[in-house]
């Protein structure tokens, strides 16, 4: 992310691509944890929510908003790994 610019360039988006895909996969895998008290229907619903959030986030163009979304995903992942529901 270049200093002073608030809109993401193709280069900025390419830099975040691997990190975002990794977070997406980790969140979906974490929802399958037996430590979470979810039924099958709730697991599927939570996975659909994650997919929807990432779909909406993929249209984001502001560098600050992209970073906030990544931070929120990392925080949610840390909560899920503890066996808690974010």
PDB file of N, CA and C in Angstrom:
ATOM      1  N   UNK A   1       0.840  -1.166   0.000  1.00  0.00           N
ATOM      2  CA  UNK A   1       0.000   0.000   0.000  1.00  0.00           C
ATOM      3  C   UNK A   1       0.891   1.236   0.000  1.00  0.00           C
ATOM      4  N   UNK A   2       0.692   2.044  -0.970  1.00  0.00           N
ATOM      5  CA  UNK A   2       1.496   3.253  -1.095  1.00  0.00           C
ATOM      6  C   UNK A   2       0.959   4.328  -0.167  1.00  0.00           C
ATOM      7  N   UNK A   3       1.883   5.106   0.421  1.00  0.00           N
ATOM      8  CA  UNK A   3       1.477   6.154   1.343  1.00  0.00           C
ATOM      9  C   UNK A   3       0.726   7.271   0.645  1.00  0.00           C
ATOM     10  N   UNK A   4      -0.319   7.743   1.258  1.00  0.00           N
ATOM     11  CA  UNK A   4      -1.064   8.872   0.731  1.00  0.00           C
ATOM     12  C   UNK A   4      -2.219   8.496  -0.185  1.00  0.00           C
ATOM     13  N   UNK A   5      -2.199   7.313  -0.764  1.00  0.00           N
ATOM     14  CA  UNK A   5      -3.286   6.900  -1.640  1.00  0.00           C
ATOM     15  C   UNK A   5      -4.356   6.190  -0.817  1.00  0.00           C
ATOM     16  N   UNK A   6      -5.602   6.484  -1.121  1.00  0.00           N
ATOM     17  CA  UNK A   6      -6.665   5.816  -0.377  1.00  0.00           C
ATOM     18  C   UNK A   6      -7.380   4.765  -1.214  1.00  0.00           C
ATOM     19  N   UNK A   7      -7.168   4.760  -2.522  1.00  0.00           N
ATOM     20  CA  UNK A   7      -7.831   3.781  -3.377  1.00  0.00           C
ATOM     21  C   UNK A   7      -6.855   2.689  -3.759  1.00  0.00           C
ATOM     22  N   UNK A   8      -7.340   1.475  -3.774  1.00  0.00           N
ATOM     23  CA  UNK A   8      -6.496   0.328  -4.073  1.00  0.00           C
ATOM     24  C   UNK A   8      -6.176   0.263  -5.560  1.00  0.00           C
ATOM     25  N   UNK A   9      -4.926  -0.026  -5.849  1.00  0.00           N
ATOM     26  CA  UNK A   9      -4.514  -0.252  -7.234  1.00  0.00           C
ATOM     27  C   UNK A   9      -4.513  -1.756  -7.472  1.00  0.00           C
ATOM     28  N   UNK A  10      -4.345  -2.151  -8.714  1.00  0.00           N
ATOM     29  CA  UNK A  10      -4.281  -3.571  -9.046  1.00  0.00           C
ATOM     30  C   UNK A  10      -3.127  -4.239  -8.306  1.00  0.00           C
ATOM     31  N   UNK A  11      -2.041  -3.509  -8.132  1.00  0.00           N
ATOM     32  CA  UNK A  11      -0.877  -4.042  -7.410  1.00  0.00           C
ATOM     33  C   UNK A  11      -1.221  -4.307  -5.948  1.00  0.00           C
ATOM     34  N   UNK A  12      -1.941  -3.388  -5.315  1.00  0.00           N
ATOM     35  CA  UNK A  12      -2.346  -3.561  -3.920  1.00  0.00           C
ATOM     36  C   UNK A  12      -3.268  -4.770  -3.774  1.00  0.00           C
ATOM     37  N   UNK A  13      -4.199  -4.909  -4.690  1.00  0.00           N
ATOM     38  CA  UNK A  13      -5.135  -6.025  -4.626  1.00  0.00           C
ATOM     39  C   UNK A  13      -4.413  -7.353  -4.816  1.00  0.00           C
ATOM     40  N   UNK A  14      -3.433  -7.381  -5.697  1.00  0.00           N
ATOM     41  CA  UNK A  14      -2.667  -8.606  -5.941  1.00  0.00           C
ATOM     42  C   UNK A  14      -1.856  -8.995  -4.704  1.00  0.00           C
ATOM     43  N   UNK A  15      -1.342  -8.006  -3.978  1.00  0.00           N
ATOM     44  CA  UNK A  15      -0.566  -8.289  -2.768  1.00  0.00           C
ATOM     45  C   UNK A  15      -1.422  -8.941  -1.686  1.00  0.00           C
ATOM     46  N   UNK A  16      -2.662  -8.536  -1.588  1.00  0.00           N
ATOM     47  CA  UNK A  16      -3.555  -9.049  -0.544  1.00  0.00           C
ATOM     48  C   UNK A  16      -4.256 -10.343  -0.929  1.00  0.00           C
ATOM     49  N   UNK A  17      -4.193 -10.733  -2.186  1.00  0.00           N
ATOM     50  CA  UNK A  17      -4.975 -11.876  -2.670  1.00  0.00           C
ATOM     51  C   UNK A  17      -4.676 -13.160  -1.900  1.00  0.00           C
ATOM     52  N   UNK A  18      -3.419 -13.514  -1.755  1.00  0.00           N
ATOM     53  CA  UNK A  18      -3.057 -14.740  -1.051  1.00  0.00           C
ATOM     54  C   UNK A  18      -3.479 -14.727   0.405  1.00  0.00           C
ATOM     55  N   UNK A  19      -3.303 -13.602   1.036  1.00  0.00           N
ATOM     56  CA  UNK A  19      -3.680 -13.457   2.446  1.00  0.00           C
ATOM     57  C   UNK A  19      -5.188 -13.603   2.634  1.00  0.00           C
ATOM     58  N   UNK A  20      -5.944 -12.996   1.734  1.00  0.00           N
ATOM     59  CA  UNK A  20      -7.404 -13.054   1.823  1.00  0.00           C
ATOM     60  C   UNK A  20      -7.898 -14.472   1.555  1.00  0.00           C
ATOM     61  N   UNK A  21      -7.349 -15.141   0.549  1.00  0.00           N
ATOM     62  CA  UNK A  21      -7.759 -16.519   0.266  1.00  0.00           C
ATOM     63  C   UNK A  21      -7.431 -17.443   1.433  1.00  0.00           C
ATOM     64  N   UNK A  22      -6.285 -17.224   2.046  1.00  0.00           N
ATOM     65  CA  UNK A  22      -5.896 -18.029   3.199  1.00  0.00           C
ATOM     66  C   UNK A  22      -6.864 -17.814   4.361  1.00  0.00           C
ATOM     67  N   UNK A  23      -7.203 -16.574   4.633  1.00  0.00           N
ATOM     68  CA  UNK A  23      -8.161 -16.280   5.700  1.00  0.00           C
ATOM     69  C   UNK A  23      -9.519 -16.910   5.419  1.00  0.00           C
ATOM     70  N   UNK A  24      -9.949 -16.830   4.184  1.00  0.00           N
ATOM     71  CA  UNK A  24     -11.239 -17.400   3.775  1.00  0.00           C
ATOM     72  C   UNK A  24     -11.264 -18.907   4.044  1.00  0.00           C
ATOM     73  N   UNK A  25     -10.231 -19.594   3.607  1.00  0.00           N
ATOM     74  CA  UNK A  25     -10.168 -21.047   3.798  1.00  0.00           C
ATOM     75  C   UNK A  25     -10.079 -21.414   5.273  1.00  0.00           C
ATOM     76  N   UNK A  26      -9.286 -20.667   6.022  1.00  0.00           N
ATOM     77  CA  UNK A  26      -9.131 -20.943   7.448  1.00  0.00           C
ATOM     78  C   UNK A  26     -10.441 -20.730   8.204  1.00  0.00           C
ATOM     79  N   UNK A  27     -11.181 -19.689   7.846  1.00  0.00           N
ATOM     80  CA  UNK A  27     -12.468 -19.439   8.499  1.00  0.00           C
ATOM     81  C   UNK A  27     -13.451 -20.561   8.213  1.00  0.00           C
ATOM     82  N   UNK A  28     -13.513 -21.001   6.952  1.00  0.00           N
ATOM     83  CA  UNK A  28     -14.432 -22.088   6.612  1.00  0.00           C
ATOM     84  C   UNK A  28     -14.049 -23.379   7.335  1.00  0.00           C
ATOM     85  N   UNK A  29     -12.743 -23.664   7.424  1.00  0.00           N
ATOM     86  CA  UNK A  29     -12.293 -24.863   8.131  1.00  0.00           C
ATOM     87  C   UNK A  29     -12.572 -24.765   9.624  1.00  0.00           C
ATOM     88  N   UNK A  30     -12.397 -23.588  10.185  1.00  0.00           N
ATOM     89  CA  UNK A  30     -12.615 -23.402  11.627  1.00  0.00           C
ATOM     90  C   UNK A  30     -14.073 -23.608  12.016  1.00  0.00           C
ATOM     91  N   UNK A  31     -14.967 -23.340  11.107  1.00  0.00           N
ATOM     92  CA  UNK A  31     -16.387 -23.538  11.402  1.00  0.00           C
ATOM     93  C   UNK A  31     -16.746 -25.011  11.517  1.00  0.00           C
ATOM     94  N   UNK A  32     -15.877 -25.908  11.052  1.00  0.00           N
ATOM     95  CA  UNK A  32     -16.112 -27.348  11.175  1.00  0.00           C
ATOM     96  C   UNK A  32     -15.589 -27.913  12.485  1.00  0.00           C
ATOM     97  N   UNK A  33     -15.011 -27.087  13.327  1.00  0.00           N
ATOM     98  CA  UNK A  33     -14.418 -27.542  14.578  1.00  0.00           C
ATOM     99  C   UNK A  33     -15.457 -28.204  15.475  1.00  0.00           C
ATOM    100  N   UNK A  34     -15.108 -29.359  16.030  1.00  0.00           N
ATOM    101  CA  UNK A  34     -16.048 -30.015  16.954  1.00  0.00           C
ATOM    102  C   UNK A  34     -16.184 -29.256  18.277  1.00  0.00           C
ATOM    103  N   UNK A  35     -15.291 -28.301  18.528  1.00  0.00           N
ATOM    104  CA  UNK A  35     -15.373 -27.501  19.757  1.00  0.00           C
ATOM    105  C   UNK A  35     -16.534 -26.514  19.714  1.00  0.00           C
ATOM    106  N   UNK A  36     -17.042 -26.228  18.519  1.00  0.00           N
ATOM    107  CA  UNK A  36     -18.166 -25.296  18.390  1.00  0.00           C
ATOM    108  C   UNK A  36     -19.483 -26.057  18.491  1.00  0.00           C
ATOM    109  N   UNK A  37     -20.422 -25.552  19.279  1.00  0.00           N
ATOM    110  CA  UNK A  37     -21.692 -26.263  19.490  1.00  0.00           C
ATOM    111  C   UNK A  37     -22.708 -25.980  18.383  1.00  0.00           C
ATOM    112  N   UNK A  38     -22.367 -26.333  17.148  1.00  0.00           N
ATOM    113  CA  UNK A  38     -23.234 -26.046  16.012  1.00  0.00           C
ATOM    114  C   UNK A  38     -23.846 -27.328  15.463  1.00  0.00           C
ATOM    115  N   UNK A  39     -25.097 -27.223  15.050  1.00  0.00           N
ATOM    116  CA  UNK A  39     -25.705 -28.313  14.291  1.00  0.00           C
ATOM    117  C   UNK A  39     -25.284 -28.146  12.833  1.00  0.00           C
ATOM    118  N   UNK A  40     -25.606 -29.113  12.013  1.00  0.00           N
ATOM    119  CA  UNK A  40     -25.231 -29.047  10.602  1.00  0.00           C
ATOM    120  C   UNK A  40     -25.845 -27.823   9.923  1.00  0.00           C
ATOM    121  N   UNK A  41     -27.090 -27.544  10.218  1.00  0.00           N
ATOM    122  CA  UNK A  41     -27.765 -26.403   9.602  1.00  0.00           C
ATOM    123  C   UNK A  41     -27.103 -25.080   9.989  1.00  0.00           C
ATOM    124  N   UNK A  42     -26.701 -24.957  11.240  1.00  0.00           N
ATOM    125  CA  UNK A  42     -26.061 -23.726  11.698  1.00  0.00           C
ATOM    126  C   UNK A  42     -24.681 -23.586  11.057  1.00  0.00           C
ATOM    127  N   UNK A  43     -23.940 -24.708  10.938  1.00  0.00           N
ATOM    128  CA  UNK A  43     -22.628 -24.657  10.281  1.00  0.00           C
ATOM    129  C   UNK A  43     -22.759 -24.176   8.838  1.00  0.00           C
ATOM    130  N   UNK A  44     -23.735 -24.709   8.131  1.00  0.00           N
ATOM    131  CA  UNK A  44     -23.946 -24.305   6.740  1.00  0.00           C
ATOM    132  C   UNK A  44     -24.341 -22.836   6.649  1.00  0.00           C
ATOM    133  N   UNK A  45     -25.153 -22.377   7.590  1.00  0.00           N
ATOM    134  CA  UNK A  45     -25.563 -20.976   7.594  1.00  0.00           C
ATOM    135  C   UNK A  45     -24.372 -20.062   7.864  1.00  0.00           C
ATOM    136  N   UNK A  46     -23.528 -20.440   8.825  1.00  0.00           N
ATOM    137  CA  UNK A  46     -22.342 -19.633   9.153  1.00  0.00           C
ATOM    138  C   UNK A  46     -21.377 -19.592   7.972  1.00  0.00           C
ATOM    139  N   UNK A  47     -21.229 -20.710   7.275  1.00  0.00           N
ATOM    140  CA  UNK A  47     -20.350 -20.744   6.099  1.00  0.00           C
ATOM    141  C   UNK A  47     -20.908 -19.845   4.995  1.00  0.00           C
ATOM    142  N   UNK A  48     -22.226 -19.838   4.839  1.00  0.00           N
ATOM    143  CA  UNK A  48     -22.840 -18.957   3.846  1.00  0.00           C
ATOM    144  C   UNK A  48     -22.619 -17.495   4.215  1.00  0.00           C
ATOM    145  N   UNK A  49     -22.656 -17.181   5.501  1.00  0.00           N
ATOM    146  CA  UNK A  49     -22.391 -15.809   5.950  1.00  0.00           C
ATOM    147  C   UNK A  49     -20.956 -15.405   5.627  1.00  0.00           C
ATOM    148  N   UNK A  50     -20.005 -16.304   5.852  1.00  0.00           N
ATOM    149  CA  UNK A  50     -18.598 -16.017   5.545  1.00  0.00           C
ATOM    150  C   UNK A  50     -18.442 -15.769   4.047  1.00  0.00           C
ATOM    151  N   UNK A  51     -19.047 -16.622   3.233  1.00  0.00           N
ATOM    152  CA  UNK A  51     -18.965 -16.443   1.777  1.00  0.00           C
ATOM    153  C   UNK A  51     -19.544 -15.094   1.352  1.00  0.00           C
ATOM    154  N   UNK A  52     -20.686 -14.725   1.926  1.00  0.00           N
ATOM    155  CA  UNK A  52     -21.322 -13.450   1.572  1.00  0.00           C
ATOM    156  C   UNK A  52     -20.442 -12.273   1.968  1.00  0.00           C
ATOM    157  N   UNK A  53     -19.824 -12.336   3.147  1.00  0.00           N
ATOM    158  CA  UNK A  53     -18.950 -11.243   3.589  1.00  0.00           C
ATOM    159  C   UNK A  53     -17.744 -11.090   2.667  1.00  0.00           C
ATOM    160  N   UNK A  54     -17.167 -12.204   2.260  1.00  0.00           N
ATOM    161  CA  UNK A  54     -16.010 -12.128   1.378  1.00  0.00           C
ATOM    162  C   UNK A  54     -16.407 -11.676  -0.024  1.00  0.00           C
ATOM    163  N   UNK A  55     -17.607 -12.042  -0.461  1.00  0.00           N
ATOM    164  CA  UNK A  55     -18.086 -11.572  -1.776  1.00  0.00           C
ATOM    165  C   UNK A  55     -18.275 -10.060  -1.762  1.00  0.00           C
ATOM    166  N   UNK A  56     -18.883  -9.537  -0.713  1.00  0.00           N
ATOM    167  CA  UNK A  56     -19.074  -8.089  -0.607  1.00  0.00           C
ATOM    168  C   UNK A  56     -17.737  -7.375  -0.422  1.00  0.00           C
ATOM    169  N   UNK A  57     -16.849  -7.974   0.352  1.00  0.00           N
ATOM    170  CA  UNK A  57     -15.540  -7.391   0.576  1.00  0.00           C
ATOM    171  C   UNK A  57     -14.682  -7.359  -0.684  1.00  0.00           C
ATOM    172  N   UNK A  58     -14.935  -8.266  -1.614  1.00  0.00           N
ATOM    173  CA  UNK A  58     -14.140  -8.311  -2.841  1.00  0.00           C
ATOM    174  C   UNK A  58     -14.380  -7.089  -3.726  1.00  0.00           C
ATOM    175  N   UNK A  59     -15.475  -6.388  -3.489  1.00  0.00           N
ATOM    176  CA  UNK A  59     -15.793  -5.199  -4.285  1.00  0.00           C
ATOM    177  C   UNK A  59     -15.233  -3.917  -3.663  1.00  0.00           C
ATOM    178  N   UNK A  60     -14.626  -4.040  -2.485  1.00  0.00           N
ATOM    179  CA  UNK A  60     -14.115  -2.872  -1.778  1.00  0.00           C
ATOM    180  C   UNK A  60     -12.890  -2.298  -2.491  1.00  0.00           C
ATOM    181  N   UNK A  61     -12.808  -0.964  -2.568  1.00  0.00           N
ATOM    182  CA  UNK A  61     -11.700  -0.297  -3.252  1.00  0.00           C
ATOM    183  C   UNK A  61     -10.847   0.579  -2.339  1.00  0.00           C
ATOM    184  N   UNK A  62     -11.312   0.858  -1.134  1.00  0.00           N
ATOM    185  CA  UNK A  62     -10.573   1.701  -0.203  1.00  0.00           C
ATOM    186  C   UNK A  62      -9.531   0.865   0.546  1.00  0.00           C
ATOM    187  N   UNK A  63      -8.282   1.336   0.543  1.00  0.00           N
ATOM    188  CA  UNK A  63      -7.216   0.613   1.233  1.00  0.00           C
ATOM    189  C   UNK A  63      -7.509   0.454   2.720  1.00  0.00           C
ATOM    190  N   UNK A  64      -8.040   1.493   3.333  1.00  0.00           N
ATOM    191  CA  UNK A  64      -8.325   1.448   4.769  1.00  0.00           C
ATOM    192  C   UNK A  64      -9.431   0.446   5.078  1.00  0.00           C
ATOM    193  N   UNK A  65     -10.447   0.418   4.250  1.00  0.00           N
ATOM    194  CA  UNK A  65     -11.542  -0.530   4.464  1.00  0.00           C
ATOM    195  C   UNK A  65     -11.083  -1.963   4.224  1.00  0.00           C
ATOM    196  N   UNK A  66     -10.226  -2.168   3.243  1.00  0.00           N
ATOM    197  CA  UNK A  66      -9.695  -3.505   2.978  1.00  0.00           C
ATOM    198  C   UNK A  66      -8.903  -3.989   4.185  1.00  0.00           C
ATOM    199  N   UNK A  67      -8.056  -3.116   4.732  1.00  0.00           N
ATOM    200  CA  UNK A  67      -7.266  -3.493   5.903  1.00  0.00           C
ATOM    201  C   UNK A  67      -8.166  -3.775   7.103  1.00  0.00           C
ATOM    202  N   UNK A  68      -9.221  -2.991   7.277  1.00  0.00           N
ATOM    203  CA  UNK A  68     -10.164  -3.229   8.373  1.00  0.00           C
ATOM    204  C   UNK A  68     -10.862  -4.577   8.217  1.00  0.00           C
ATOM    205  N   UNK A  69     -11.230  -4.935   6.991  1.00  0.00           N
ATOM    206  CA  UNK A  69     -11.878  -6.223   6.745  1.00  0.00           C
ATOM    207  C   UNK A  69     -10.927  -7.383   7.037  1.00  0.00           C
ATOM    208  N   UNK A  70      -9.672  -7.240   6.656  1.00  0.00           N
ATOM    209  CA  UNK A  70      -8.675  -8.272   6.934  1.00  0.00           C
ATOM    210  C   UNK A  70      -8.467  -8.413   8.442  1.00  0.00           C
ATOM    211  N   UNK A  71      -8.379  -7.286   9.134  1.00  0.00           N
ATOM    212  CA  UNK A  71      -8.222  -7.319  10.593  1.00  0.00           C
ATOM    213  C   UNK A  71      -9.416  -8.002  11.264  1.00  0.00           C
ATOM    214  N   UNK A  72     -10.612  -7.710  10.795  1.00  0.00           N
ATOM    215  CA  UNK A  72     -11.815  -8.317  11.364  1.00  0.00           C
ATOM    216  C   UNK A  72     -11.827  -9.827  11.116  1.00  0.00           C
ATOM    217  N   UNK A  73     -11.399 -10.250   9.933  1.00  0.00           N
ATOM    218  CA  UNK A  73     -11.346 -11.685   9.627  1.00  0.00           C
ATOM    219  C   UNK A  73     -10.321 -12.381  10.518  1.00  0.00           C
ATOM    220  N   UNK A  74      -9.170 -11.764  10.737  1.00  0.00           N
ATOM    221  CA  UNK A  74      -8.149 -12.354  11.603  1.00  0.00           C
ATOM    222  C   UNK A  74      -8.637 -12.444  13.052  1.00  0.00           C
ATOM    223  N   UNK A  75      -9.351 -11.429  13.498  1.00  0.00           N
ATOM    224  CA  UNK A  75      -9.899 -11.452  14.850  1.00  0.00           C
ATOM    225  C   UNK A  75     -10.944 -12.568  14.991  1.00  0.00           C
ATOM    226  N   UNK A  76     -11.830 -12.676  14.012  1.00  0.00           N
ATOM    227  CA  UNK A  76     -12.849 -13.731  14.046  1.00  0.00           C
ATOM    228  C   UNK A  76     -12.210 -15.112  14.043  1.00  0.00           C
ATOM    229  N   UNK A  77     -11.154 -15.271  13.271  1.00  0.00           N
ATOM    230  CA  UNK A  77     -10.449 -16.545  13.216  1.00  0.00           C
ATOM    231  C   UNK A  77      -9.826 -16.879  14.574  1.00  0.00           C
ATOM    232  N   UNK A  78      -9.255 -15.889  15.239  1.00  0.00           N
ATOM    233  CA  UNK A  78      -8.658 -16.142  16.552  1.00  0.00           C
ATOM    234  C   UNK A  78      -9.729 -16.558  17.571  1.00  0.00           C
ATOM    235  N   UNK A  79     -10.897 -15.957  17.484  1.00  0.00           N
ATOM    236  CA  UNK A  79     -12.004 -16.316  18.385  1.00  0.00           C
ATOM    237  C   UNK A  79     -12.485 -17.738  18.098  1.00  0.00           C
ATOM    238  N   UNK A  80     -12.624 -18.078  16.813  1.00  0.00           N
ATOM    239  CA  UNK A  80     -13.060 -19.419  16.446  1.00  0.00           C
ATOM    240  C   UNK A  80     -12.071 -20.482  16.905  1.00  0.00           C
ATOM    241  N   UNK A  81     -10.792 -20.181  16.818  1.00  0.00           N
ATOM    242  CA  UNK A  81      -9.770 -21.159  17.235  1.00  0.00           C
ATOM    243  C   UNK A  81      -9.811 -21.417  18.736  1.00  0.00           C
ATOM    244  N   UNK A  82     -10.344 -20.487  19.498  1.00  0.00           N
ATOM    245  CA  UNK A  82     -10.502 -20.684  20.938  1.00  0.00           C
ATOM    246  C   UNK A  82     -11.753 -21.500  21.255  1.00  0.00           C
ATOM    247  N   UNK A  83     -12.560 -21.783  20.236  1.00  0.00           N
ATOM    248  CA  UNK A  83     -13.788 -22.535  20.452  1.00  0.00           C
ATOM    249  C   UNK A  83     -14.956 -21.658  20.822  1.00  0.00           C
ATOM    250  N   UNK A  84     -14.819 -20.364  20.599  1.00  0.00           N
ATOM    251  CA  UNK A  84     -15.892 -19.424  20.907  1.00  0.00           C
ATOM    252  C   UNK A  84     -16.563 -18.970  19.615  1.00  0.00           C
ATOM    253  N   UNK A  85     -17.726 -18.387  19.753  1.00  0.00           N
ATOM    254  CA  UNK A  85     -18.474 -17.913  18.589  1.00  0.00           C
ATOM    255  C   UNK A  85     -18.320 -16.405  18.491  1.00  0.00           C
ATOM    256  N   UNK A  86     -17.775 -15.910  17.354  1.00  0.00           N
ATOM    257  CA  UNK A  86     -17.576 -14.451  17.216  1.00  0.00           C
ATOM    258  C   UNK A  86     -18.888 -13.718  17.011  1.00  0.00           C
TER     259      UNK A  86
END
